[in-house]
């Protein structure tokens, strides 16, 4: 009996599409198993772990390029480098949160202006979007 899962079963178990697995293979995030003559490729359990790692890292905001770097340090001997990657991501996310909060405040202001106008004159939201910054 053959060990491992077919790509379809792996995709279903990992909660991703088959094309996602193929994409991960093309960019070198997961290995492509050998295809036995007259059979189907079988993926080792470690591939499922890798897909879980990739998805979890993406949920934390890491790009696939950053995930590739993190995977290259998965032997545990480069903790400082891993921490530096995480700290950089943390700082970038903080800056993004500030940017989003600023956008949110501006939008709230425009919504309040639109409510106050009560339909009289041009829409303050549309007017603001037309104006150069």
N, C-alpha and C. Protein backbone atom coordinates (compact mmCIF):
# COMPACT_ATOMS: atom_id res chain seq x y z
N UNK A 1 0.84 -1.19 0.00
CA UNK A 1 0.00 0.00 0.00
C UNK A 1 0.88 1.25 0.00
N UNK A 2 0.46 2.28 -0.76
CA UNK A 2 1.25 3.50 -0.88
C UNK A 2 1.03 4.40 0.33
N UNK A 3 2.12 5.04 0.77
CA UNK A 3 2.07 5.99 1.88
C UNK A 3 1.71 7.37 1.35
N UNK A 4 1.14 8.21 2.20
CA UNK A 4 0.88 9.60 1.85
C UNK A 4 -0.47 9.81 1.19
N UNK A 5 -0.70 11.06 0.83
CA UNK A 5 -1.99 11.47 0.26
C UNK A 5 -1.81 11.96 -1.16
N UNK A 6 -2.85 11.81 -1.94
CA UNK A 6 -2.87 12.41 -3.27
C UNK A 6 -3.03 13.91 -3.10
N UNK A 7 -2.80 14.65 -4.15
CA UNK A 7 -2.90 16.10 -4.08
C UNK A 7 -4.31 16.55 -3.69
N UNK A 8 -5.31 15.86 -4.20
CA UNK A 8 -6.69 16.21 -3.87
C UNK A 8 -7.01 16.02 -2.39
N UNK A 9 -6.58 14.90 -1.86
CA UNK A 9 -6.81 14.64 -0.43
C UNK A 9 -6.00 15.60 0.45
N UNK A 10 -4.78 15.89 0.03
CA UNK A 10 -3.96 16.84 0.78
C UNK A 10 -4.61 18.22 0.79
N UNK A 11 -5.07 18.65 -0.36
CA UNK A 11 -5.73 19.96 -0.46
C UNK A 11 -6.94 20.03 0.46
N UNK A 12 -7.75 18.99 0.43
CA UNK A 12 -8.95 18.97 1.27
C UNK A 12 -8.56 18.98 2.75
N UNK A 13 -7.60 18.16 3.12
CA UNK A 13 -7.18 18.07 4.52
C UNK A 13 -6.56 19.39 5.01
N UNK A 14 -5.84 20.07 4.11
CA UNK A 14 -5.17 21.32 4.49
C UNK A 14 -6.08 22.54 4.38
N UNK A 15 -7.24 22.36 3.74
CA UNK A 15 -8.17 23.47 3.58
C UNK A 15 -7.71 24.47 2.52
N UNK A 16 -7.02 23.98 1.50
CA UNK A 16 -6.57 24.83 0.39
C UNK A 16 -7.01 24.20 -0.92
N UNK A 17 -6.86 24.95 -1.99
CA UNK A 17 -7.18 24.42 -3.31
C UNK A 17 -5.98 23.65 -3.87
N UNK A 18 -6.25 22.74 -4.76
CA UNK A 18 -5.19 21.99 -5.42
C UNK A 18 -4.22 22.96 -6.11
N UNK A 19 -4.75 24.00 -6.72
CA UNK A 19 -3.90 24.98 -7.41
C UNK A 19 -2.97 25.70 -6.43
N UNK A 20 -3.40 25.86 -5.19
CA UNK A 20 -2.54 26.47 -4.18
C UNK A 20 -1.33 25.57 -3.93
N UNK A 21 -1.56 24.29 -3.81
CA UNK A 21 -0.46 23.34 -3.61
C UNK A 21 0.48 23.37 -4.81
N UNK A 22 -0.07 23.40 -6.00
CA UNK A 22 0.77 23.45 -7.20
C UNK A 22 1.58 24.74 -7.24
N UNK A 23 0.96 25.84 -6.82
CA UNK A 23 1.68 27.12 -6.78
C UNK A 23 2.81 27.06 -5.76
N UNK A 24 2.54 26.53 -4.58
CA UNK A 24 3.59 26.38 -3.56
C UNK A 24 4.75 25.54 -4.10
N UNK A 25 4.43 24.54 -4.88
CA UNK A 25 5.48 23.71 -5.49
C UNK A 25 6.30 24.53 -6.49
N UNK A 26 5.62 25.29 -7.35
CA UNK A 26 6.31 26.08 -8.37
C UNK A 26 7.28 27.10 -7.76
N UNK A 27 6.90 27.68 -6.62
CA UNK A 27 7.76 28.71 -6.02
C UNK A 27 8.71 28.13 -4.98
N UNK A 28 8.71 26.82 -4.83
CA UNK A 28 9.68 26.17 -3.97
C UNK A 28 9.36 26.10 -2.49
N UNK A 29 8.09 26.31 -2.13
CA UNK A 29 7.72 26.21 -0.72
C UNK A 29 7.51 24.77 -0.27
N UNK A 30 7.03 23.95 -1.18
CA UNK A 30 6.87 22.53 -0.86
C UNK A 30 7.44 21.70 -2.01
N UNK A 31 7.98 20.54 -1.69
CA UNK A 31 8.55 19.70 -2.74
C UNK A 31 7.46 18.98 -3.54
N UNK A 32 7.77 18.72 -4.79
CA UNK A 32 6.86 17.92 -5.62
C UNK A 32 7.34 16.48 -5.57
N UNK A 33 6.49 15.57 -5.11
CA UNK A 33 6.92 14.18 -5.04
C UNK A 33 7.07 13.55 -6.42
N UNK A 34 7.86 12.51 -6.48
CA UNK A 34 8.02 11.76 -7.73
C UNK A 34 6.70 11.09 -8.09
N UNK A 35 6.44 10.99 -9.39
CA UNK A 35 5.24 10.30 -9.84
C UNK A 35 5.63 8.88 -10.23
N UNK A 36 5.09 7.91 -9.49
CA UNK A 36 5.41 6.53 -9.85
C UNK A 36 4.78 6.17 -11.21
N UNK A 37 5.41 5.29 -11.91
CA UNK A 37 4.89 4.89 -13.22
C UNK A 37 3.49 4.31 -13.05
N UNK A 38 2.56 4.90 -13.77
CA UNK A 38 1.18 4.41 -13.74
C UNK A 38 0.44 4.73 -12.45
N UNK A 39 0.98 5.59 -11.61
CA UNK A 39 0.33 5.91 -10.34
C UNK A 39 0.17 7.40 -10.14
N UNK A 40 -0.21 7.74 -8.93
CA UNK A 40 -0.41 9.13 -8.56
C UNK A 40 0.68 9.54 -7.57
N UNK A 41 1.04 10.82 -7.65
CA UNK A 41 2.00 11.34 -6.68
C UNK A 41 1.39 11.24 -5.28
N UNK A 42 2.23 10.93 -4.32
CA UNK A 42 1.80 10.85 -2.93
C UNK A 42 2.61 11.83 -2.10
N UNK A 43 1.92 12.58 -1.28
CA UNK A 43 2.55 13.60 -0.45
C UNK A 43 2.74 13.07 0.97
N UNK A 44 3.94 13.25 1.48
CA UNK A 44 4.29 12.80 2.83
C UNK A 44 3.58 13.66 3.87
N UNK A 45 3.36 13.14 5.07
CA UNK A 45 2.73 13.92 6.14
C UNK A 45 3.44 15.24 6.43
N UNK A 46 4.75 15.29 6.22
CA UNK A 46 5.50 16.53 6.47
C UNK A 46 5.03 17.67 5.57
N UNK A 47 4.48 17.36 4.40
CA UNK A 47 3.99 18.40 3.50
C UNK A 47 2.77 19.08 4.11
N UNK A 48 1.93 18.30 4.77
CA UNK A 48 0.77 18.87 5.46
C UNK A 48 1.24 19.84 6.55
N UNK A 49 2.27 19.45 7.27
CA UNK A 49 2.83 20.34 8.31
C UNK A 49 3.35 21.64 7.68
N UNK A 50 3.98 21.52 6.54
CA UNK A 50 4.52 22.69 5.86
C UNK A 50 3.41 23.62 5.40
N UNK A 51 2.34 23.06 4.86
CA UNK A 51 1.21 23.88 4.42
C UNK A 51 0.59 24.58 5.62
N UNK A 52 0.47 23.88 6.73
CA UNK A 52 -0.05 24.49 7.96
C UNK A 52 0.84 25.66 8.38
N UNK A 53 2.15 25.46 8.33
CA UNK A 53 3.12 26.50 8.66
C UNK A 53 2.93 27.71 7.75
N UNK A 54 2.83 27.46 6.45
CA UNK A 54 2.67 28.54 5.47
C UNK A 54 1.41 29.33 5.75
N UNK A 55 0.31 28.64 5.94
CA UNK A 55 -0.97 29.32 6.16
C UNK A 55 -0.96 30.12 7.46
N UNK A 56 -0.39 29.57 8.51
CA UNK A 56 -0.32 30.26 9.80
C UNK A 56 0.57 31.50 9.68
N UNK A 57 1.68 31.38 9.01
CA UNK A 57 2.57 32.53 8.81
C UNK A 57 1.86 33.63 8.01
N UNK A 58 1.11 33.24 7.00
CA UNK A 58 0.36 34.23 6.22
C UNK A 58 -0.69 34.92 7.08
N UNK A 59 -1.32 34.18 7.97
CA UNK A 59 -2.31 34.78 8.86
C UNK A 59 -1.68 35.84 9.76
N UNK A 60 -0.38 35.70 10.03
CA UNK A 60 0.33 36.68 10.84
C UNK A 60 0.91 37.82 10.00
N UNK A 61 0.64 37.79 8.70
CA UNK A 61 1.03 38.88 7.83
C UNK A 61 2.30 38.67 7.04
N UNK A 62 2.92 37.50 7.16
CA UNK A 62 4.14 37.24 6.42
C UNK A 62 3.83 36.98 4.95
N UNK A 63 4.65 37.56 4.08
CA UNK A 63 4.53 37.30 2.64
C UNK A 63 5.08 35.91 2.35
N UNK A 64 4.80 35.38 1.16
CA UNK A 64 5.34 34.07 0.80
C UNK A 64 6.87 34.10 0.73
N UNK A 65 7.44 35.22 0.34
CA UNK A 65 8.91 35.34 0.33
C UNK A 65 9.45 35.26 1.75
N UNK A 66 8.77 35.91 2.67
CA UNK A 66 9.19 35.84 4.08
C UNK A 66 8.99 34.43 4.64
N UNK A 67 7.90 33.79 4.23
CA UNK A 67 7.66 32.40 4.65
C UNK A 67 8.79 31.51 4.19
N UNK A 68 9.25 31.73 2.96
CA UNK A 68 10.36 30.94 2.42
C UNK A 68 11.60 31.11 3.30
N UNK A 69 11.88 32.35 3.71
CA UNK A 69 13.02 32.59 4.60
C UNK A 69 12.82 31.87 5.93
N UNK A 70 11.63 31.99 6.49
CA UNK A 70 11.36 31.34 7.78
C UNK A 70 11.54 29.82 7.67
N UNK A 71 11.06 29.26 6.57
CA UNK A 71 11.23 27.82 6.37
C UNK A 71 12.70 27.43 6.27
N UNK A 72 13.50 28.31 5.72
CA UNK A 72 14.93 28.00 5.61
C UNK A 72 15.61 27.99 6.97
N UNK A 73 14.98 28.60 7.96
CA UNK A 73 15.51 28.62 9.33
C UNK A 73 14.81 27.62 10.24
N UNK A 74 14.05 26.71 9.68
CA UNK A 74 13.23 25.82 10.50
C UNK A 74 14.02 24.79 11.28
N UNK A 75 15.34 24.72 11.05
CA UNK A 75 16.15 23.78 11.82
C UNK A 75 16.37 24.26 13.26
N UNK A 76 15.98 25.50 13.57
CA UNK A 76 16.08 26.01 14.93
C UNK A 76 17.42 26.61 15.30
N UNK A 77 18.37 26.61 14.37
CA UNK A 77 19.70 27.13 14.69
C UNK A 77 19.85 28.62 14.42
N UNK A 78 18.86 29.26 13.87
CA UNK A 78 18.97 30.67 13.49
C UNK A 78 17.88 31.49 14.16
N UNK A 79 17.74 31.33 15.44
CA UNK A 79 16.67 32.01 16.17
C UNK A 79 16.75 33.52 16.07
N UNK A 80 17.97 34.04 16.07
CA UNK A 80 18.14 35.50 15.98
C UNK A 80 17.57 36.01 14.67
N UNK A 81 17.87 35.35 13.57
CA UNK A 81 17.36 35.77 12.26
C UNK A 81 15.83 35.68 12.21
N UNK A 82 15.29 34.61 12.77
CA UNK A 82 13.83 34.44 12.80
C UNK A 82 13.21 35.57 13.61
N UNK A 83 13.80 35.86 14.75
CA UNK A 83 13.28 36.94 15.60
C UNK A 83 13.35 38.27 14.86
N UNK A 84 14.44 38.53 14.14
CA UNK A 84 14.57 39.77 13.40
C UNK A 84 13.50 39.90 12.31
N UNK A 85 13.22 38.81 11.63
CA UNK A 85 12.16 38.82 10.61
C UNK A 85 10.83 39.14 11.27
N UNK A 86 10.56 38.51 12.41
CA UNK A 86 9.30 38.74 13.13
C UNK A 86 9.22 40.18 13.65
N UNK A 87 10.33 40.71 14.16
CA UNK A 87 10.32 42.08 14.67
C UNK A 87 10.08 43.08 13.54
N UNK A 88 10.68 42.84 12.39
CA UNK A 88 10.46 43.71 11.23
C UNK A 88 8.99 43.68 10.82
N UNK A 89 8.41 42.48 10.77
CA UNK A 89 7.00 42.36 10.41
C UNK A 89 6.12 43.07 11.43
N UNK A 90 6.46 42.92 12.71
CA UNK A 90 5.71 43.57 13.79
C UNK A 90 5.70 45.10 13.59
N UNK A 91 6.86 45.66 13.29
CA UNK A 91 6.96 47.10 13.08
C UNK A 91 6.15 47.54 11.85
N UNK A 92 6.24 46.78 10.79
CA UNK A 92 5.47 47.10 9.58
C UNK A 92 3.97 47.03 9.84
N UNK A 93 3.56 46.03 10.60
CA UNK A 93 2.13 45.91 10.93
C UNK A 93 1.68 47.08 11.80
N UNK A 94 2.52 47.51 12.72
CA UNK A 94 2.19 48.67 13.54
C UNK A 94 1.99 49.91 12.70
N UNK A 95 2.87 50.13 11.74
CA UNK A 95 2.74 51.28 10.84
C UNK A 95 1.46 51.16 10.01
N UNK A 96 1.15 49.95 9.58
CA UNK A 96 -0.07 49.73 8.78
C UNK A 96 -1.32 49.99 9.62
N UNK A 97 -1.29 49.59 10.87
CA UNK A 97 -2.43 49.84 11.78
C UNK A 97 -2.64 51.34 11.94
N UNK A 98 -1.55 52.08 12.13
CA UNK A 98 -1.66 53.54 12.24
C UNK A 98 -2.26 54.13 10.97
N UNK A 99 -1.79 53.66 9.83
CA UNK A 99 -2.32 54.15 8.55
C UNK A 99 -3.81 53.83 8.42
N UNK A 100 -4.20 52.63 8.79
CA UNK A 100 -5.61 52.24 8.72
C UNK A 100 -6.46 53.06 9.69
N UNK A 101 -5.95 53.31 10.87
CA UNK A 101 -6.69 54.13 11.84
C UNK A 101 -6.87 55.55 11.34
N UNK A 102 -5.85 56.09 10.68
CA UNK A 102 -5.95 57.42 10.09
C UNK A 102 -7.01 57.44 8.99
N UNK A 103 -6.99 56.44 8.13
CA UNK A 103 -7.99 56.33 7.07
C UNK A 103 -9.39 56.22 7.65
N UNK A 104 -9.50 55.44 8.70
CA UNK A 104 -10.80 55.24 9.35
C UNK A 104 -11.33 56.55 9.93
N UNK A 105 -10.45 57.33 10.58
CA UNK A 105 -10.86 58.61 11.16
C UNK A 105 -11.31 59.58 10.07
N UNK A 106 -10.57 59.62 8.95
CA UNK A 106 -10.95 60.50 7.85
C UNK A 106 -12.31 60.10 7.27
N UNK A 107 -12.51 58.80 7.12
CA UNK A 107 -13.78 58.32 6.59
C UNK A 107 -14.93 58.63 7.55
N UNK A 108 -14.70 58.46 8.85
CA UNK A 108 -15.72 58.78 9.86
C UNK A 108 -16.10 60.25 9.76
N UNK A 109 -15.09 61.12 9.58
CA UNK A 109 -15.33 62.56 9.44
C UNK A 109 -16.22 62.84 8.22
N UNK A 110 -15.89 62.20 7.11
CA UNK A 110 -16.70 62.40 5.89
C UNK A 110 -18.12 61.89 6.07
N UNK A 111 -18.29 60.78 6.74
CA UNK A 111 -19.62 60.24 7.00
C UNK A 111 -20.42 61.22 7.87
N UNK A 112 -19.76 61.78 8.89
CA UNK A 112 -20.43 62.75 9.76
C UNK A 112 -20.84 63.99 8.97
N UNK A 113 -19.96 64.45 8.07
CA UNK A 113 -20.30 65.60 7.22
C UNK A 113 -21.51 65.28 6.34
N UNK A 114 -21.54 64.07 5.80
CA UNK A 114 -22.67 63.67 4.94
C UNK A 114 -23.97 63.64 5.74
N UNK A 115 -23.91 63.15 6.97
CA UNK A 115 -25.12 63.12 7.81
C UNK A 115 -25.60 64.54 8.11
N UNK A 116 -24.66 65.43 8.40
CA UNK A 116 -25.01 66.81 8.74
C UNK A 116 -25.59 67.57 7.56
N UNK A 117 -25.20 67.21 6.34
CA UNK A 117 -25.68 67.94 5.16
C UNK A 117 -27.14 67.64 4.87
N UNK A 118 -27.64 66.52 5.35
CA UNK A 118 -29.05 66.13 5.21
C UNK A 118 -29.56 66.28 3.77
N UNK A 119 -28.72 65.94 2.82
CA UNK A 119 -29.15 65.93 1.42
C UNK A 119 -29.11 67.28 0.74
N UNK A 120 -28.69 68.31 1.44
CA UNK A 120 -28.62 69.64 0.83
C UNK A 120 -27.25 69.82 0.18
N UNK A 121 -27.25 70.23 -1.08
CA UNK A 121 -26.00 70.48 -1.79
C UNK A 121 -25.30 69.20 -2.21
N UNK A 122 -24.09 69.35 -2.70
CA UNK A 122 -23.36 68.17 -3.17
C UNK A 122 -22.97 67.26 -2.00
N UNK A 123 -22.80 66.00 -2.28
CA UNK A 123 -22.44 65.02 -1.26
C UNK A 123 -21.01 65.30 -0.79
N UNK A 124 -20.80 65.50 0.51
CA UNK A 124 -19.46 65.79 1.02
C UNK A 124 -18.44 64.67 0.77
N UNK A 125 -18.90 63.45 0.73
CA UNK A 125 -17.99 62.33 0.49
C UNK A 125 -17.47 62.39 -0.95
N UNK A 126 -18.39 62.55 -1.90
CA UNK A 126 -18.00 62.63 -3.31
C UNK A 126 -17.11 63.86 -3.54
N UNK A 127 -17.47 64.98 -2.95
CA UNK A 127 -16.68 66.20 -3.10
C UNK A 127 -15.26 65.99 -2.57
N UNK A 128 -15.15 65.38 -1.42
CA UNK A 128 -13.82 65.13 -0.82
C UNK A 128 -12.98 64.20 -1.67
N UNK A 129 -13.60 63.21 -2.28
CA UNK A 129 -12.87 62.27 -3.11
C UNK A 129 -12.38 62.90 -4.41
N UNK A 130 -13.04 63.92 -4.86
CA UNK A 130 -12.64 64.62 -6.08
C UNK A 130 -11.48 65.58 -5.84
N UNK A 131 -11.32 66.05 -4.62
CA UNK A 131 -10.32 67.05 -4.31
C UNK A 131 -8.92 66.42 -4.22
N UNK A 132 -7.92 67.13 -4.75
CA UNK A 132 -6.55 66.65 -4.56
C UNK A 132 -6.15 66.77 -3.10
N UNK A 133 -5.22 65.94 -2.69
CA UNK A 133 -4.83 65.99 -1.28
C UNK A 133 -3.94 67.13 -0.98
